[in-house]
Amino acid sequence: LLHGSWAHLLVNSVWLAAFGSPLAVRLGNARFLAFWLVTSLAAVALHHVFHAGEMIPVIGASGAISGMMGAAARFGFGMSAAGRRRSFAGRLLTFREVLASRTVLTFLGVWFAINLVTGLGFAGGPSIAWEAHVGGFLAGFLLIGLFDPLSGASASGNGRF
């Protein structure tokens, strides 16, 4: 449970519950763990691109949780079949459908704006690894189809997960 502060741990816990729980149910344990690892590695990789050669530790689970948020965008924030709650139900949206969805575009805009403000130092300063957030988010958004057992890539054998 290594995090920068108790507030960091609390915020990550809330987002993990909101985005991680339904994604774990959808993917299953092994795929969810693999997704977590891949988005974490993507988060660290993008952070390294901006901070190569610097001795800046990256702690917390924000990169992987951002990956879960990126994956959520591909589900379009639809309602469950019962209409009671938002869920990761149904098929993944195509990139064309994402670009046509006002809800998803609003989510993407707000998410990236918050990270831009954070990155410019207006809300947390250099102690927040915004680059890791973006790396995890992009990996989750782009790669969720490889992990989703219900997507075409995974079901047709094109994806290993």
C-alpha atoms as a PDB file:
ATOM      1  CA  LEU A   1       0.000   0.000   0.000  1.00  0.00           C
ATOM      2  CA  LEU A   2       2.794   2.395  -0.887  1.00  0.00           C
ATOM      3  CA  HIS A   3       1.330   5.798  -1.773  1.00  0.00           C
ATOM      4  CA  GLY A   4       2.422   9.425  -1.530  1.00  0.00           C
ATOM      5  CA  SER A   5      -0.099  10.260   1.186  1.00  0.00           C
ATOM      6  CA  TRP A   6      -3.262   9.019   2.849  1.00  0.00           C
ATOM      7  CA  ALA A   7      -5.270  11.257   0.512  1.00  0.00           C
ATOM      8  CA  HIS A   8      -3.536   9.619  -2.486  1.00  0.00           C
ATOM      9  CA  LEU A   9      -4.413   6.172  -1.134  1.00  0.00           C
ATOM     10  CA  LEU A  10      -8.025   7.204  -0.474  1.00  0.00           C
ATOM     11  CA  VAL A  11      -8.542   8.723  -3.924  1.00  0.00           C
ATOM     12  CA  ASN A  12      -6.978   5.698  -5.630  1.00  0.00           C
ATOM     13  CA  SER A  13      -9.156   3.368  -3.534  1.00  0.00           C
ATOM     14  CA  VAL A  14     -12.330   5.183  -4.594  1.00  0.00           C
ATOM     15  CA  TRP A  15     -11.407   5.106  -8.297  1.00  0.00           C
ATOM     16  CA  LEU A  16     -10.264   1.485  -8.029  1.00  0.00           C
ATOM     17  CA  ALA A  17     -13.638   0.508  -6.562  1.00  0.00           C
ATOM     18  CA  ALA A  18     -15.556   2.508  -9.176  1.00  0.00           C
ATOM     19  CA  PHE A  19     -13.631   1.385 -12.251  1.00  0.00           C
ATOM     20  CA  GLY A  20     -11.702  -1.709 -11.172  1.00  0.00           C
ATOM     21  CA  SER A  21     -14.546  -3.726  -9.672  1.00  0.00           C
ATOM     22  CA  PRO A  22     -16.775  -3.877 -12.765  1.00  0.00           C
ATOM     23  CA  LEU A  23     -13.741  -4.362 -15.006  1.00  0.00           C
ATOM     24  CA  ALA A  24     -12.516  -7.280 -12.855  1.00  0.00           C
ATOM     25  CA  VAL A  25     -15.953  -8.894 -13.086  1.00  0.00           C
ATOM     26  CA  ARG A  26     -15.932  -8.464 -16.867  1.00  0.00           C
ATOM     27  CA  LEU A  27     -12.367  -9.699 -17.440  1.00  0.00           C
ATOM     28  CA  GLY A  28     -11.949 -12.323 -14.717  1.00  0.00           C
ATOM     29  CA  ASN A  29      -9.029 -12.527 -12.317  1.00  0.00           C
ATOM     30  CA  ALA A  30      -6.200 -13.554 -14.660  1.00  0.00           C
ATOM     31  CA  ARG A  31      -7.080 -11.084 -17.423  1.00  0.00           C
ATOM     32  CA  PHE A  32      -7.613  -8.304 -14.890  1.00  0.00           C
ATOM     33  CA  LEU A  33      -4.187  -8.936 -13.358  1.00  0.00           C
ATOM     34  CA  ALA A  34      -2.579  -8.991 -16.820  1.00  0.00           C
ATOM     35  CA  PHE A  35      -4.399  -5.756 -17.724  1.00  0.00           C
ATOM     36  CA  TRP A  36      -3.180  -4.166 -14.461  1.00  0.00           C
ATOM     37  CA  LEU A  37       0.414  -5.162 -15.226  1.00  0.00           C
ATOM     38  CA  VAL A  38       0.349  -3.946 -18.834  1.00  0.00           C
ATOM     39  CA  THR A  39      -1.204  -0.583 -17.958  1.00  0.00           C
ATOM     40  CA  SER A  40       1.248  -0.177 -15.072  1.00  0.00           C
ATOM     41  CA  LEU A  41       4.176  -0.817 -17.412  1.00  0.00           C
ATOM     42  CA  ALA A  42       2.776   1.632 -19.971  1.00  0.00           C
ATOM     43  CA  ALA A  43       2.391   4.215 -17.204  1.00  0.00           C
ATOM     44  CA  VAL A  44       5.981   3.819 -16.063  1.00  0.00           C
ATOM     45  CA  ALA A  45       7.232   3.826 -19.665  1.00  0.00           C
ATOM     46  CA  LEU A  46       5.600   7.161 -20.521  1.00  0.00           C
ATOM     47  CA  HIS A  47       6.787   8.667 -17.242  1.00  0.00           C
ATOM     48  CA  HIS A  48      10.307   7.512 -18.115  1.00  0.00           C
ATOM     49  CA  VAL A  49      10.099   9.183 -21.548  1.00  0.00           C
ATOM     50  CA  PHE A  50       9.633  12.539 -19.816  1.00  0.00           C
ATOM     51  CA  HIS A  51      12.055  11.873 -16.940  1.00  0.00           C
ATOM     52  CA  ALA A  52      14.830   9.690 -18.406  1.00  0.00           C
ATOM     53  CA  GLY A  53      17.948   9.846 -16.271  1.00  0.00           C
ATOM     54  CA  GLU A  54      16.191  11.462 -13.321  1.00  0.00           C
ATOM     55  CA  MET A  55      15.936   9.770  -9.955  1.00  0.00           C
ATOM     56  CA  ILE A  56      12.187  10.300  -9.517  1.00  0.00           C
ATOM     57  CA  PRO A  57      10.324   7.457  -7.841  1.00  0.00           C
ATOM     58  CA  VAL A  58       6.871   6.592  -9.112  1.00  0.00           C
ATOM     59  CA  ILE A  59       4.631   5.196  -6.389  1.00  0.00           C
ATOM     60  CA  GLY A  60       0.991   4.292  -6.142  1.00  0.00           C
ATOM     61  CA  ALA A  61      -1.456   2.578  -8.428  1.00  0.00           C
ATOM     62  CA  SER A  62      -2.614   5.641 -10.360  1.00  0.00           C
ATOM     63  CA  GLY A  63      -1.222   4.490 -13.712  1.00  0.00           C
ATOM     64  CA  ALA A  64      -3.099   1.184 -13.643  1.00  0.00           C
ATOM     65  CA  ILE A  65      -6.256   2.829 -12.305  1.00  0.00           C
ATOM     66  CA  SER A  66      -6.012   5.381 -15.106  1.00  0.00           C
ATOM     67  CA  GLY A  67      -5.827   2.395 -17.456  1.00  0.00           C
ATOM     68  CA  MET A  68      -9.121   1.174 -16.015  1.00  0.00           C
ATOM     69  CA  MET A  69     -10.618   4.605 -16.678  1.00  0.00           C
ATOM     70  CA  GLY A  70      -9.372   4.412 -20.264  1.00  0.00           C
ATOM     71  CA  ALA A  71     -10.995   1.003 -20.616  1.00  0.00           C
ATOM     72  CA  ALA A  72     -14.236   2.386 -19.181  1.00  0.00           C
ATOM     73  CA  ALA A  73     -14.380   4.945 -21.975  1.00  0.00           C
ATOM     74  CA  ARG A  74     -14.503   2.104 -24.501  1.00  0.00           C
ATOM     75  CA  PHE A  75     -17.688   0.790 -22.854  1.00  0.00           C
ATOM     76  CA  GLY A  76     -19.432   4.122 -23.348  1.00  0.00           C
ATOM     77  CA  PHE A  77     -20.779   4.363 -19.794  1.00  0.00           C
ATOM     78  CA  GLY A  78     -23.976   2.527 -20.703  1.00  0.00           C
ATOM     79  CA  MET A  79     -26.578   1.244 -18.302  1.00  0.00           C
ATOM     80  CA  SER A  80     -26.796  -2.391 -17.287  1.00  0.00           C
ATOM     81  CA  ALA A  81     -29.491  -4.538 -18.867  1.00  0.00           C
ATOM     82  CA  ALA A  82     -31.643  -3.973 -15.768  1.00  0.00           C
ATOM     83  CA  GLY A  83     -31.165  -0.210 -16.148  1.00  0.00           C
ATOM     84  CA  ARG A  84     -30.183   0.174 -12.507  1.00  0.00           C
ATOM     85  CA  ARG A  85     -26.506   1.067 -12.598  1.00  0.00           C
ATOM     86  CA  ARG A  86     -23.647   1.831 -14.893  1.00  0.00           C
ATOM     87  CA  SER A  87     -21.641  -1.215 -15.796  1.00  0.00           C
ATOM     88  CA  PHE A  88     -19.105  -2.591 -18.222  1.00  0.00           C
ATOM     89  CA  ALA A  89     -21.872  -4.436 -20.052  1.00  0.00           C
ATOM     90  CA  GLY A  90     -22.182  -5.013 -23.748  1.00  0.00           C
ATOM     91  CA  ARG A  91     -19.530  -4.795 -26.401  1.00  0.00           C
ATOM     92  CA  LEU A  92     -16.638  -2.386 -26.618  1.00  0.00           C
ATOM     93  CA  LEU A  93     -17.222   0.752 -28.632  1.00  0.00           C
ATOM     94  CA  THR A  94     -15.193   1.080 -31.798  1.00  0.00           C
ATOM     95  CA  PHE A  95     -12.932   4.107 -32.087  1.00  0.00           C
ATOM     96  CA  ARG A  96     -15.433   5.610 -34.548  1.00  0.00           C
ATOM     97  CA  GLU A  97     -18.246   5.140 -32.012  1.00  0.00           C
ATOM     98  CA  VAL A  98     -16.098   6.729 -29.300  1.00  0.00           C
ATOM     99  CA  LEU A  99     -15.612   9.793 -31.508  1.00  0.00           C
ATOM    100  CA  ALA A 100     -19.385   9.974 -32.077  1.00  0.00           C
ATOM    101  CA  SER A 101     -20.318   9.696 -28.383  1.00  0.00           C
ATOM    102  CA  ARG A 102     -20.792  13.020 -26.643  1.00  0.00           C
ATOM    103  CA  THR A 103     -20.674  11.281 -23.247  1.00  0.00           C
ATOM    104  CA  VAL A 104     -17.354   9.585 -23.954  1.00  0.00           C
ATOM    105  CA  LEU A 105     -15.824  12.699 -25.527  1.00  0.00           C
ATOM    106  CA  THR A 106     -16.852  14.739 -22.480  1.00  0.00           C
ATOM    107  CA  PHE A 107     -15.262  12.164 -20.180  1.00  0.00           C
ATOM    108  CA  LEU A 108     -12.068  12.148 -22.264  1.00  0.00           C
ATOM    109  CA  GLY A 109     -11.935  15.946 -22.334  1.00  0.00           C
ATOM    110  CA  VAL A 110     -12.443  16.316 -18.589  1.00  0.00           C
ATOM    111  CA  TRP A 111      -9.976  13.531 -17.792  1.00  0.00           C
ATOM    112  CA  PHE A 112      -7.228  14.974 -19.988  1.00  0.00           C
ATOM    113  CA  ALA A 113      -7.926  18.548 -18.812  1.00  0.00           C
ATOM    114  CA  ILE A 114      -7.536  17.502 -15.176  1.00  0.00           C
ATOM    115  CA  ASN A 115      -4.251  15.793 -15.992  1.00  0.00           C
ATOM    116  CA  LEU A 116      -3.045  18.783 -18.012  1.00  0.00           C
ATOM    117  CA  VAL A 117      -3.779  21.109 -15.094  1.00  0.00           C
ATOM    118  CA  THR A 118      -1.998  18.674 -12.797  1.00  0.00           C
ATOM    119  CA  GLY A 119       0.936  18.430 -15.189  1.00  0.00           C
ATOM    120  CA  LEU A 120       1.319  22.185 -15.410  1.00  0.00           C
ATOM    121  CA  GLY A 121       1.600  22.311 -11.632  1.00  0.00           C
ATOM    122  CA  PHE A 122      -1.649  24.063 -10.771  1.00  0.00           C
ATOM    123  CA  ALA A 123      -3.067  21.172  -8.763  1.00  0.00           C
ATOM    124  CA  GLY A 124      -0.449  19.156  -6.964  1.00  0.00           C
ATOM    125  CA  GLY A 125       2.761  20.217  -8.568  1.00  0.00           C
ATOM    126  CA  PRO A 126       5.612  17.958  -9.521  1.00  0.00           C
ATOM    127  CA  SER A 127       4.715  15.337  -6.909  1.00  0.00           C
ATOM    128  CA  ILE A 128       2.006  13.953  -9.201  1.00  0.00           C
ATOM    129  CA  ALA A 129       3.215  11.726 -12.023  1.00  0.00           C
ATOM    130  CA  TRP A 130       0.691  12.946 -14.584  1.00  0.00           C
ATOM    131  CA  GLU A 131       2.701  11.312 -17.362  1.00  0.00           C
ATOM    132  CA  ALA A 132       2.103   7.935 -15.730  1.00  0.00           C
ATOM    133  CA  HIS A 133      -1.622   8.675 -15.579  1.00  0.00           C
ATOM    134  CA  VAL A 134      -1.675   9.444 -19.310  1.00  0.00           C
ATOM    135  CA  GLY A 135       0.410   6.374 -20.191  1.00  0.00           C
ATOM    136  CA  GLY A 136      -1.875   4.061 -18.232  1.00  0.00           C
ATOM    137  CA  PHE A 137      -5.018   5.692 -19.601  1.00  0.00           C
ATOM    138  CA  LEU A 138      -3.897   5.411 -23.227  1.00  0.00           C
ATOM    139  CA  ALA A 139      -2.852   1.783 -22.758  1.00  0.00           C
ATOM    140  CA  GLY A 140      -6.192   0.913 -21.172  1.00  0.00           C
ATOM    141  CA  PHE A 141      -8.151   2.747 -23.848  1.00  0.00           C
ATOM    142  CA  LEU A 142      -6.221   1.244 -26.754  1.00  0.00           C
ATOM    143  CA  LEU A 143      -5.552  -2.279 -25.449  1.00  0.00           C
ATOM    144  CA  ILE A 144      -8.704  -3.300 -23.544  1.00  0.00           C
ATOM    145  CA  GLY A 145      -9.873  -5.344 -26.543  1.00  0.00           C
ATOM    146  CA  LEU A 146      -6.920  -7.701 -26.127  1.00  0.00           C
ATOM    147  CA  PHE A 147      -8.037  -8.579 -22.588  1.00  0.00           C
ATOM    148  CA  ASP A 148     -11.817  -8.548 -22.957  1.00  0.00           C
ATOM    149  CA  PRO A 149     -13.179 -12.088 -23.372  1.00  0.00           C
ATOM    150  CA  LEU A 150     -16.251 -10.706 -25.160  1.00  0.00           C
ATOM    151  CA  SER A 151     -14.469  -8.540 -27.728  1.00  0.00           C
ATOM    152  CA  GLY A 152     -13.808  -9.640 -31.286  1.00  0.00           C
ATOM    153  CA  ALA A 153     -10.008  -9.594 -30.924  1.00  0.00           C
ATOM    154  CA  SER A 154     -10.002 -11.907 -27.932  1.00  0.00           C
ATOM    155  CA  ALA A 155     -12.827 -14.155 -29.101  1.00  0.00           C
ATOM    156  CA  SER A 156     -11.349 -14.647 -32.559  1.00  0.00           C
ATOM    157  CA  GLY A 157      -7.946 -15.547 -31.199  1.00  0.00           C
ATOM    158  CA  ASN A 158      -6.275 -12.328 -32.388  1.00  0.00           C
ATOM    159  CA  GLY A 159      -5.532 -11.318 -28.804  1.00  0.00           C
ATOM    160  CA  ARG A 160      -3.618 -13.455 -26.351  1.00  0.00           C
ATOM    161  CA  PHE A 161      -5.659 -12.316 -23.365  1.00  0.00           C
END
